[in-house]
């Protein structure tokens, strides 16, 4: 299944190829490193393809943040992922061309010895879920959810970190959004039950327009019809 997201595996920009311009800068690059979104060049932010704030870090391998080994992803992926701190957001706009059911799949993990940043997932402005459970063995967890798509056009997939003063963290890897199944939205068929009352619409005996007939004036045949 093709991924509707650009750079869903966070493999670009490749931290392994970035040379540190100044050893006194507050980030690391190369293998087992990290880079804050706000410290990226404009070209690097374009390569990332996700819109973020500066509480997002692009990470490679086992950095000083000490997230689980990324080579143990439930979903095959390269070594890179993003770290999400309190108040962080990362989003991407997706062009949806058909109504259907899409499947969103990714891996996530807590930072060792830190509380889980309970990530909120939004699609098209609607809250899909909030992550509250995680593997306590310092491992990656696979997440899968089916999202009904009832309208076409540009939709934003947004991951929003908690707004808190407590230092909570979560890592996000290998995000995939792909077609899953057609959207079946048939209206229920309402059938009219048969009327148990004979001549419930009083259609017989048939009278001429603007007239009336009392039962006492009816013939035997008309009474039977009535």
C-alpha atoms as a PDB file:
ATOM      1  CA  UNK A   1       0.000   0.000   0.000  1.00  0.00           C
ATOM      2  CA  UNK A   2       1.408   3.395  -0.981  1.00  0.00           C
ATOM      3  CA  UNK A   3       1.932   5.995   1.708  1.00  0.00           C
ATOM      4  CA  UNK A   4      -0.067   9.204   1.239  1.00  0.00           C
ATOM      5  CA  UNK A   5       2.457  11.012   3.447  1.00  0.00           C
ATOM      6  CA  UNK A   6       5.735  12.506   2.308  1.00  0.00           C
ATOM      7  CA  UNK A   7       8.818  11.418   4.313  1.00  0.00           C
ATOM      8  CA  UNK A   8       6.688   9.398   6.709  1.00  0.00           C
ATOM      9  CA  UNK A   9       9.788   7.481   7.805  1.00  0.00           C
ATOM     10  CA  UNK A  10      11.635  10.737   8.682  1.00  0.00           C
ATOM     11  CA  UNK A  11      14.645   9.579   6.663  1.00  0.00           C
ATOM     12  CA  UNK A  12      15.276  13.110   5.320  1.00  0.00           C
ATOM     13  CA  UNK A  13      17.312  15.085   6.044  1.00  0.00           C
ATOM     14  CA  UNK A  14      19.815  12.329   6.748  1.00  0.00           C
ATOM     15  CA  UNK A  15      21.504  13.191  10.064  1.00  0.00           C
ATOM     16  CA  UNK A  16      24.309  10.787   9.250  1.00  0.00           C
ATOM     17  CA  UNK A  17      25.419  13.071   6.410  1.00  0.00           C
ATOM     18  CA  UNK A  18      25.204  16.403   8.241  1.00  0.00           C
ATOM     19  CA  UNK A  19      28.506  17.899   9.355  1.00  0.00           C
ATOM     20  CA  UNK A  20      28.459  19.820  12.642  1.00  0.00           C
ATOM     21  CA  UNK A  21      29.347  23.422  11.727  1.00  0.00           C
ATOM     22  CA  UNK A  22      30.241  24.408  15.284  1.00  0.00           C
ATOM     23  CA  UNK A  23      31.103  21.984  18.141  1.00  0.00           C
ATOM     24  CA  UNK A  24      29.613  24.426  20.655  1.00  0.00           C
ATOM     25  CA  UNK A  25      26.123  24.408  19.170  1.00  0.00           C
ATOM     26  CA  UNK A  26      23.382  22.860  21.300  1.00  0.00           C
ATOM     27  CA  UNK A  27      22.715  19.896  19.015  1.00  0.00           C
ATOM     28  CA  UNK A  28      24.460  16.842  17.667  1.00  0.00           C
ATOM     29  CA  UNK A  29      24.520  15.379  14.166  1.00  0.00           C
ATOM     30  CA  UNK A  30      25.929  12.240  12.597  1.00  0.00           C
ATOM     31  CA  UNK A  31      25.127   8.758  13.852  1.00  0.00           C
ATOM     32  CA  UNK A  32      23.263   8.435  17.186  1.00  0.00           C
ATOM     33  CA  UNK A  33      22.382  12.122  17.128  1.00  0.00           C
ATOM     34  CA  UNK A  34      19.551  14.645  17.161  1.00  0.00           C
ATOM     35  CA  UNK A  35      18.646  17.981  15.601  1.00  0.00           C
ATOM     36  CA  UNK A  36      15.948  20.405  16.755  1.00  0.00           C
ATOM     37  CA  UNK A  37      13.561  21.619  14.077  1.00  0.00           C
ATOM     38  CA  UNK A  38      14.418  25.229  14.862  1.00  0.00           C
ATOM     39  CA  UNK A  39      18.124  24.530  14.292  1.00  0.00           C
ATOM     40  CA  UNK A  40      17.564  23.120  10.804  1.00  0.00           C
ATOM     41  CA  UNK A  41      18.371  25.136   7.730  1.00  0.00           C
ATOM     42  CA  UNK A  42      15.510  26.116   5.433  1.00  0.00           C
ATOM     43  CA  UNK A  43      16.550  23.372   3.016  1.00  0.00           C
ATOM     44  CA  UNK A  44      16.581  20.778   5.798  1.00  0.00           C
ATOM     45  CA  UNK A  45      13.105  21.806   6.946  1.00  0.00           C
ATOM     46  CA  UNK A  46      11.906  21.474   3.350  1.00  0.00           C
ATOM     47  CA  UNK A  47      13.427  17.978   3.151  1.00  0.00           C
ATOM     48  CA  UNK A  48      11.661  16.979   6.347  1.00  0.00           C
ATOM     49  CA  UNK A  49       8.321  17.891   4.687  1.00  0.00           C
ATOM     50  CA  UNK A  50       6.578  18.096   8.078  1.00  0.00           C
ATOM     51  CA  UNK A  51       5.664  21.415   9.689  1.00  0.00           C
ATOM     52  CA  UNK A  52       6.803  21.521  13.320  1.00  0.00           C
ATOM     53  CA  UNK A  53       7.633  23.790  16.207  1.00  0.00           C
ATOM     54  CA  UNK A  54      10.958  23.781  18.035  1.00  0.00           C
ATOM     55  CA  UNK A  55       9.858  21.159  20.592  1.00  0.00           C
ATOM     56  CA  UNK A  56      10.381  18.550  17.835  1.00  0.00           C
ATOM     57  CA  UNK A  57      13.733  16.797  17.393  1.00  0.00           C
ATOM     58  CA  UNK A  58      14.801  14.657  14.459  1.00  0.00           C
ATOM     59  CA  UNK A  59      16.812  11.766  15.911  1.00  0.00           C
ATOM     60  CA  UNK A  60      19.086   9.057  14.585  1.00  0.00           C
ATOM     61  CA  UNK A  61      19.878   5.804  16.383  1.00  0.00           C
ATOM     62  CA  UNK A  62      20.285   5.958  20.155  1.00  0.00           C
ATOM     63  CA  UNK A  63      20.963   9.608  20.951  1.00  0.00           C
ATOM     64  CA  UNK A  64      21.456  11.270  24.328  1.00  0.00           C
ATOM     65  CA  UNK A  65      17.640  11.297  24.644  1.00  0.00           C
ATOM     66  CA  UNK A  66      17.939   7.527  25.181  1.00  0.00           C
ATOM     67  CA  UNK A  67      14.888   6.342  23.282  1.00  0.00           C
ATOM     68  CA  UNK A  68      14.703   2.597  22.471  1.00  0.00           C
ATOM     69  CA  UNK A  69      16.852   1.217  19.688  1.00  0.00           C
ATOM     70  CA  UNK A  70      15.079   2.294  16.459  1.00  0.00           C
ATOM     71  CA  UNK A  71      16.189  -0.847  14.633  1.00  0.00           C
ATOM     72  CA  UNK A  72      13.613  -2.757  16.721  1.00  0.00           C
ATOM     73  CA  UNK A  73      10.630  -0.999  15.102  1.00  0.00           C
ATOM     74  CA  UNK A  74       7.585  -3.253  14.615  1.00  0.00           C
ATOM     75  CA  UNK A  75       7.449  -1.621  11.161  1.00  0.00           C
ATOM     76  CA  UNK A  76      10.605  -1.835   9.019  1.00  0.00           C
ATOM     77  CA  UNK A  77      12.193   1.584   8.893  1.00  0.00           C
ATOM     78  CA  UNK A  78      15.474   3.421   8.801  1.00  0.00           C
ATOM     79  CA  UNK A  79      17.085   4.600  12.014  1.00  0.00           C
ATOM     80  CA  UNK A  80      15.498   8.052  12.085  1.00  0.00           C
ATOM     81  CA  UNK A  81      12.458   9.190  14.055  1.00  0.00           C
ATOM     82  CA  UNK A  82      11.147  12.326  15.788  1.00  0.00           C
ATOM     83  CA  UNK A  83      11.139  13.098  19.487  1.00  0.00           C
ATOM     84  CA  UNK A  84       8.111  15.014  20.763  1.00  0.00           C
ATOM     85  CA  UNK A  85       8.413  17.136  23.895  1.00  0.00           C
ATOM     86  CA  UNK A  86       5.630  18.929  25.847  1.00  0.00           C
ATOM     87  CA  UNK A  87       3.806  21.480  23.709  1.00  0.00           C
ATOM     88  CA  UNK A  88       5.260  20.052  20.507  1.00  0.00           C
ATOM     89  CA  UNK A  89       3.334  19.720  17.275  1.00  0.00           C
ATOM     90  CA  UNK A  90       4.139  18.104  13.970  1.00  0.00           C
ATOM     91  CA  UNK A  91       1.773  18.088  11.020  1.00  0.00           C
ATOM     92  CA  UNK A  92       1.439  17.442   7.308  1.00  0.00           C
ATOM     93  CA  UNK A  93      -1.266  18.338   4.803  1.00  0.00           C
ATOM     94  CA  UNK A  94      -2.569  15.433   2.712  1.00  0.00           C
ATOM     95  CA  UNK A  95      -4.601  15.707  -0.496  1.00  0.00           C
ATOM     96  CA  UNK A  96      -7.520  13.271  -0.220  1.00  0.00           C
ATOM     97  CA  UNK A  97      -9.001  12.426  -3.632  1.00  0.00           C
ATOM     98  CA  UNK A  98     -11.685   9.876  -2.690  1.00  0.00           C
ATOM     99  CA  UNK A  99     -14.046   9.029   0.132  1.00  0.00           C
ATOM    100  CA  UNK A 100     -12.928   5.767   1.684  1.00  0.00           C
ATOM    101  CA  UNK A 101     -11.480   4.219   4.808  1.00  0.00           C
ATOM    102  CA  UNK A 102      -7.797   4.983   5.319  1.00  0.00           C
ATOM    103  CA  UNK A 103      -5.497   3.248   7.764  1.00  0.00           C
ATOM    104  CA  UNK A 104      -3.039   5.212   9.904  1.00  0.00           C
ATOM    105  CA  UNK A 105      -0.099   3.208  11.229  1.00  0.00           C
ATOM    106  CA  UNK A 106       3.026   4.202  13.144  1.00  0.00           C
ATOM    107  CA  UNK A 107       5.355   3.194  15.974  1.00  0.00           C
ATOM    108  CA  UNK A 108       5.884   5.102  19.194  1.00  0.00           C
ATOM    109  CA  UNK A 109       7.936   4.753  22.365  1.00  0.00           C
ATOM    110  CA  UNK A 110       8.471   6.552  25.678  1.00  0.00           C
ATOM    111  CA  UNK A 111      11.771   8.037  26.691  1.00  0.00           C
ATOM    112  CA  UNK A 112      13.559   5.959  29.291  1.00  0.00           C
ATOM    113  CA  UNK A 113      12.848   7.182  32.875  1.00  0.00           C
ATOM    114  CA  UNK A 114      10.358   9.822  31.682  1.00  0.00           C
ATOM    115  CA  UNK A 115       6.570   9.979  31.721  1.00  0.00           C
ATOM    116  CA  UNK A 116       4.789   9.408  28.427  1.00  0.00           C
ATOM    117  CA  UNK A 117       3.827  12.528  26.516  1.00  0.00           C
ATOM    118  CA  UNK A 118       0.181  11.632  25.831  1.00  0.00           C
ATOM    119  CA  UNK A 119       0.101  12.470  22.158  1.00  0.00           C
ATOM    120  CA  UNK A 120      -3.166  13.620  20.581  1.00  0.00           C
ATOM    121  CA  UNK A 121      -3.849  12.590  16.976  1.00  0.00           C
ATOM    122  CA  UNK A 122      -6.011  14.832  14.775  1.00  0.00           C
ATOM    123  CA  UNK A 123      -7.095  14.316  11.182  1.00  0.00           C
ATOM    124  CA  UNK A 124      -9.074  16.931   9.277  1.00  0.00           C
ATOM    125  CA  UNK A 125      -9.552  18.887  12.505  1.00  0.00           C
ATOM    126  CA  UNK A 126     -11.119  15.912  14.320  1.00  0.00           C
ATOM    127  CA  UNK A 127      -9.535  14.251  17.340  1.00  0.00           C
ATOM    128  CA  UNK A 128      -8.873  10.618  16.421  1.00  0.00           C
ATOM    129  CA  UNK A 129      -7.221   9.353  19.594  1.00  0.00           C
ATOM    130  CA  UNK A 130      -4.938  10.134  22.524  1.00  0.00           C
ATOM    131  CA  UNK A 131      -2.007   7.827  23.284  1.00  0.00           C
ATOM    132  CA  UNK A 132      -2.019   6.797  26.935  1.00  0.00           C
ATOM    133  CA  UNK A 133      -0.642   3.245  26.936  1.00  0.00           C
ATOM    134  CA  UNK A 134       2.915   2.177  26.162  1.00  0.00           C
ATOM    135  CA  UNK A 135       5.373  -0.661  26.527  1.00  0.00           C
ATOM    136  CA  UNK A 136       6.970  -0.360  29.966  1.00  0.00           C
ATOM    137  CA  UNK A 137       9.952  -2.443  28.812  1.00  0.00           C
ATOM    138  CA  UNK A 138      11.470   0.518  26.966  1.00  0.00           C
ATOM    139  CA  UNK A 139      10.349  -0.800  23.587  1.00  0.00           C
ATOM    140  CA  UNK A 140       8.450   0.429  20.539  1.00  0.00           C
ATOM    141  CA  UNK A 141       4.681  -0.054  20.254  1.00  0.00           C
ATOM    142  CA  UNK A 142       2.829  -0.354  16.952  1.00  0.00           C
ATOM    143  CA  UNK A 143      -0.344   1.725  16.610  1.00  0.00           C
ATOM    144  CA  UNK A 144      -3.040   1.175  13.959  1.00  0.00           C
ATOM    145  CA  UNK A 145      -6.373   2.962  13.484  1.00  0.00           C
ATOM    146  CA  UNK A 146      -8.908   3.114  10.633  1.00  0.00           C
ATOM    147  CA  UNK A 147     -10.057   6.625   9.702  1.00  0.00           C
ATOM    148  CA  UNK A 148     -13.287   7.063   7.667  1.00  0.00           C
ATOM    149  CA  UNK A 149     -12.827   9.753   4.991  1.00  0.00           C
ATOM    150  CA  UNK A 150     -16.220  11.307   4.185  1.00  0.00           C
ATOM    151  CA  UNK A 151     -15.034  14.265   2.086  1.00  0.00           C
ATOM    152  CA  UNK A 152     -12.218  14.999  -0.356  1.00  0.00           C
ATOM    153  CA  UNK A 153      -9.694  17.836  -0.363  1.00  0.00           C
ATOM    154  CA  UNK A 154      -6.714  18.867   1.744  1.00  0.00           C
ATOM    155  CA  UNK A 155      -6.702  17.347   5.239  1.00  0.00           C
ATOM    156  CA  UNK A 156      -4.164  17.967   7.995  1.00  0.00           C
ATOM    157  CA  UNK A 157      -2.697  15.076   9.974  1.00  0.00           C
ATOM    158  CA  UNK A 158      -1.557  16.571  13.285  1.00  0.00           C
ATOM    159  CA  UNK A 159       0.285  15.084  16.241  1.00  0.00           C
ATOM    160  CA  UNK A 160      -0.005  17.373  19.273  1.00  0.00           C
ATOM    161  CA  UNK A 161       2.011  16.928  22.479  1.00  0.00           C
ATOM    162  CA  UNK A 162       0.627  17.676  25.908  1.00  0.00           C
ATOM    163  CA  UNK A 163       0.756  21.264  27.122  1.00  0.00           C
ATOM    164  CA  UNK A 164       2.396  20.773  30.505  1.00  0.00           C
ATOM    165  CA  UNK A 165       5.320  21.984  32.562  1.00  0.00           C
ATOM    166  CA  UNK A 166       6.296  18.382  33.334  1.00  0.00           C
ATOM    167  CA  UNK A 167       9.077  17.006  31.137  1.00  0.00           C
ATOM    168  CA  UNK A 168       7.195  14.286  29.247  1.00  0.00           C
ATOM    169  CA  UNK A 169       8.448  12.730  26.027  1.00  0.00           C
ATOM    170  CA  UNK A 170       7.404  10.399  23.221  1.00  0.00           C
ATOM    171  CA  UNK A 171       9.101   9.253  20.013  1.00  0.00           C
ATOM    172  CA  UNK A 172       7.236   8.768  16.735  1.00  0.00           C
ATOM    173  CA  UNK A 173       8.466   6.627  13.833  1.00  0.00           C
ATOM    174  CA  UNK A 174       7.438   5.262  10.455  1.00  0.00           C
ATOM    175  CA  UNK A 175       4.112   7.072   9.988  1.00  0.00           C
ATOM    176  CA  UNK A 176       1.979   5.599   7.192  1.00  0.00           C
ATOM    177  CA  UNK A 177      -1.411   6.728   5.900  1.00  0.00           C
ATOM    178  CA  UNK A 178      -2.814   4.510   3.161  1.00  0.00           C
ATOM    179  CA  UNK A 179      -6.019   3.326   1.500  1.00  0.00           C
ATOM    180  CA  UNK A 180      -7.767   0.534   3.380  1.00  0.00           C
ATOM    181  CA  UNK A 181     -11.310  -0.052   2.063  1.00  0.00           C
ATOM    182  CA  UNK A 182     -14.234   1.666   0.311  1.00  0.00           C
ATOM    183  CA  UNK A 183     -16.529   3.783   2.436  1.00  0.00           C
ATOM    184  CA  UNK A 184     -19.951   2.138   2.656  1.00  0.00           C
ATOM    185  CA  UNK A 185     -22.524   4.655   3.769  1.00  0.00           C
ATOM    186  CA  UNK A 186     -25.862   3.376   2.485  1.00  0.00           C
ATOM    187  CA  UNK A 187     -29.006   4.877   4.026  1.00  0.00           C
ATOM    188  CA  UNK A 188     -31.220   2.360   5.800  1.00  0.00           C
ATOM    189  CA  UNK A 189     -34.181   1.101   3.796  1.00  0.00           C
ATOM    190  CA  UNK A 190     -37.421   1.783   5.662  1.00  0.00           C
ATOM    191  CA  UNK A 191     -40.285  -0.410   4.523  1.00  0.00           C
ATOM    192  CA  UNK A 192     -43.941   0.435   5.181  1.00  0.00           C
ATOM    193  CA  UNK A 193     -45.676  -2.415   7.007  1.00  0.00           C
ATOM    194  CA  UNK A 194     -49.021  -3.619   5.634  1.00  0.00           C
ATOM    195  CA  UNK A 195     -52.161  -2.072   7.151  1.00  0.00           C
ATOM    196  CA  UNK A 196     -54.094  -4.588   9.250  1.00  0.00           C
ATOM    197  CA  UNK A 197     -57.220  -2.404   8.982  1.00  0.00           C
ATOM    198  CA  UNK A 198     -59.412  -3.112   5.936  1.00  0.00           C
ATOM    199  CA  UNK A 199     -60.368   0.046   4.027  1.00  0.00           C
ATOM    200  CA  UNK A 200     -58.264   2.151   6.403  1.00  0.00           C
ATOM    201  CA  UNK A 201     -58.129   4.937   3.822  1.00  0.00           C
ATOM    202  CA  UNK A 202     -61.965   4.957   3.498  1.00  0.00           C
ATOM    203  CA  UNK A 203     -61.718   4.702  -0.274  1.00  0.00           C
ATOM    204  CA  UNK A 204     -64.876   2.565  -0.648  1.00  0.00           C
ATOM    205  CA  UNK A 205     -67.662   2.916  -1.331  1.00  0.00           C
ATOM    206  CA  UNK A 206     -66.656   5.515  -3.902  1.00  0.00           C
ATOM    207  CA  UNK A 207     -68.577   8.802  -3.644  1.00  0.00           C
ATOM    208  CA  UNK A 208     -68.889  11.648  -6.105  1.00  0.00           C
ATOM    209  CA  UNK A 209     -66.947  14.860  -5.394  1.00  0.00           C
ATOM    210  CA  UNK A 210     -68.212  17.086  -2.562  1.00  0.00           C
ATOM    211  CA  UNK A 211     -70.802  14.624  -1.270  1.00  0.00           C
ATOM    212  CA  UNK A 212     -71.324  12.537   1.840  1.00  0.00           C
ATOM    213  CA  UNK A 213     -73.201   9.350   2.727  1.00  0.00           C
ATOM    214  CA  UNK A 214     -74.416   8.247   6.116  1.00  0.00           C
ATOM    215  CA  UNK A 215     -74.185   4.544   7.000  1.00  0.00           C
ATOM    216  CA  UNK A 216     -77.958   4.539   7.547  1.00  0.00           C
ATOM    217  CA  UNK A 217     -78.405   5.517   3.894  1.00  0.00           C
ATOM    218  CA  UNK A 218     -75.977   2.933   2.496  1.00  0.00           C
ATOM    219  CA  UNK A 219     -77.118  -0.133   0.625  1.00  0.00           C
ATOM    220  CA  UNK A 220     -76.131  -3.571   1.853  1.00  0.00           C
ATOM    221  CA  UNK A 221     -73.360  -3.719  -0.746  1.00  0.00           C
ATOM    222  CA  UNK A 222     -72.006  -0.274   0.263  1.00  0.00           C
ATOM    223  CA  UNK A 223     -72.020  -1.262   3.939  1.00  0.00           C
ATOM    224  CA  UNK A 224     -70.047  -4.393   3.093  1.00  0.00           C
ATOM    225  CA  UNK A 225     -67.522  -2.291   1.110  1.00  0.00           C
ATOM    226  CA  UNK A 226     -67.310   0.215   3.932  1.00  0.00           C
END
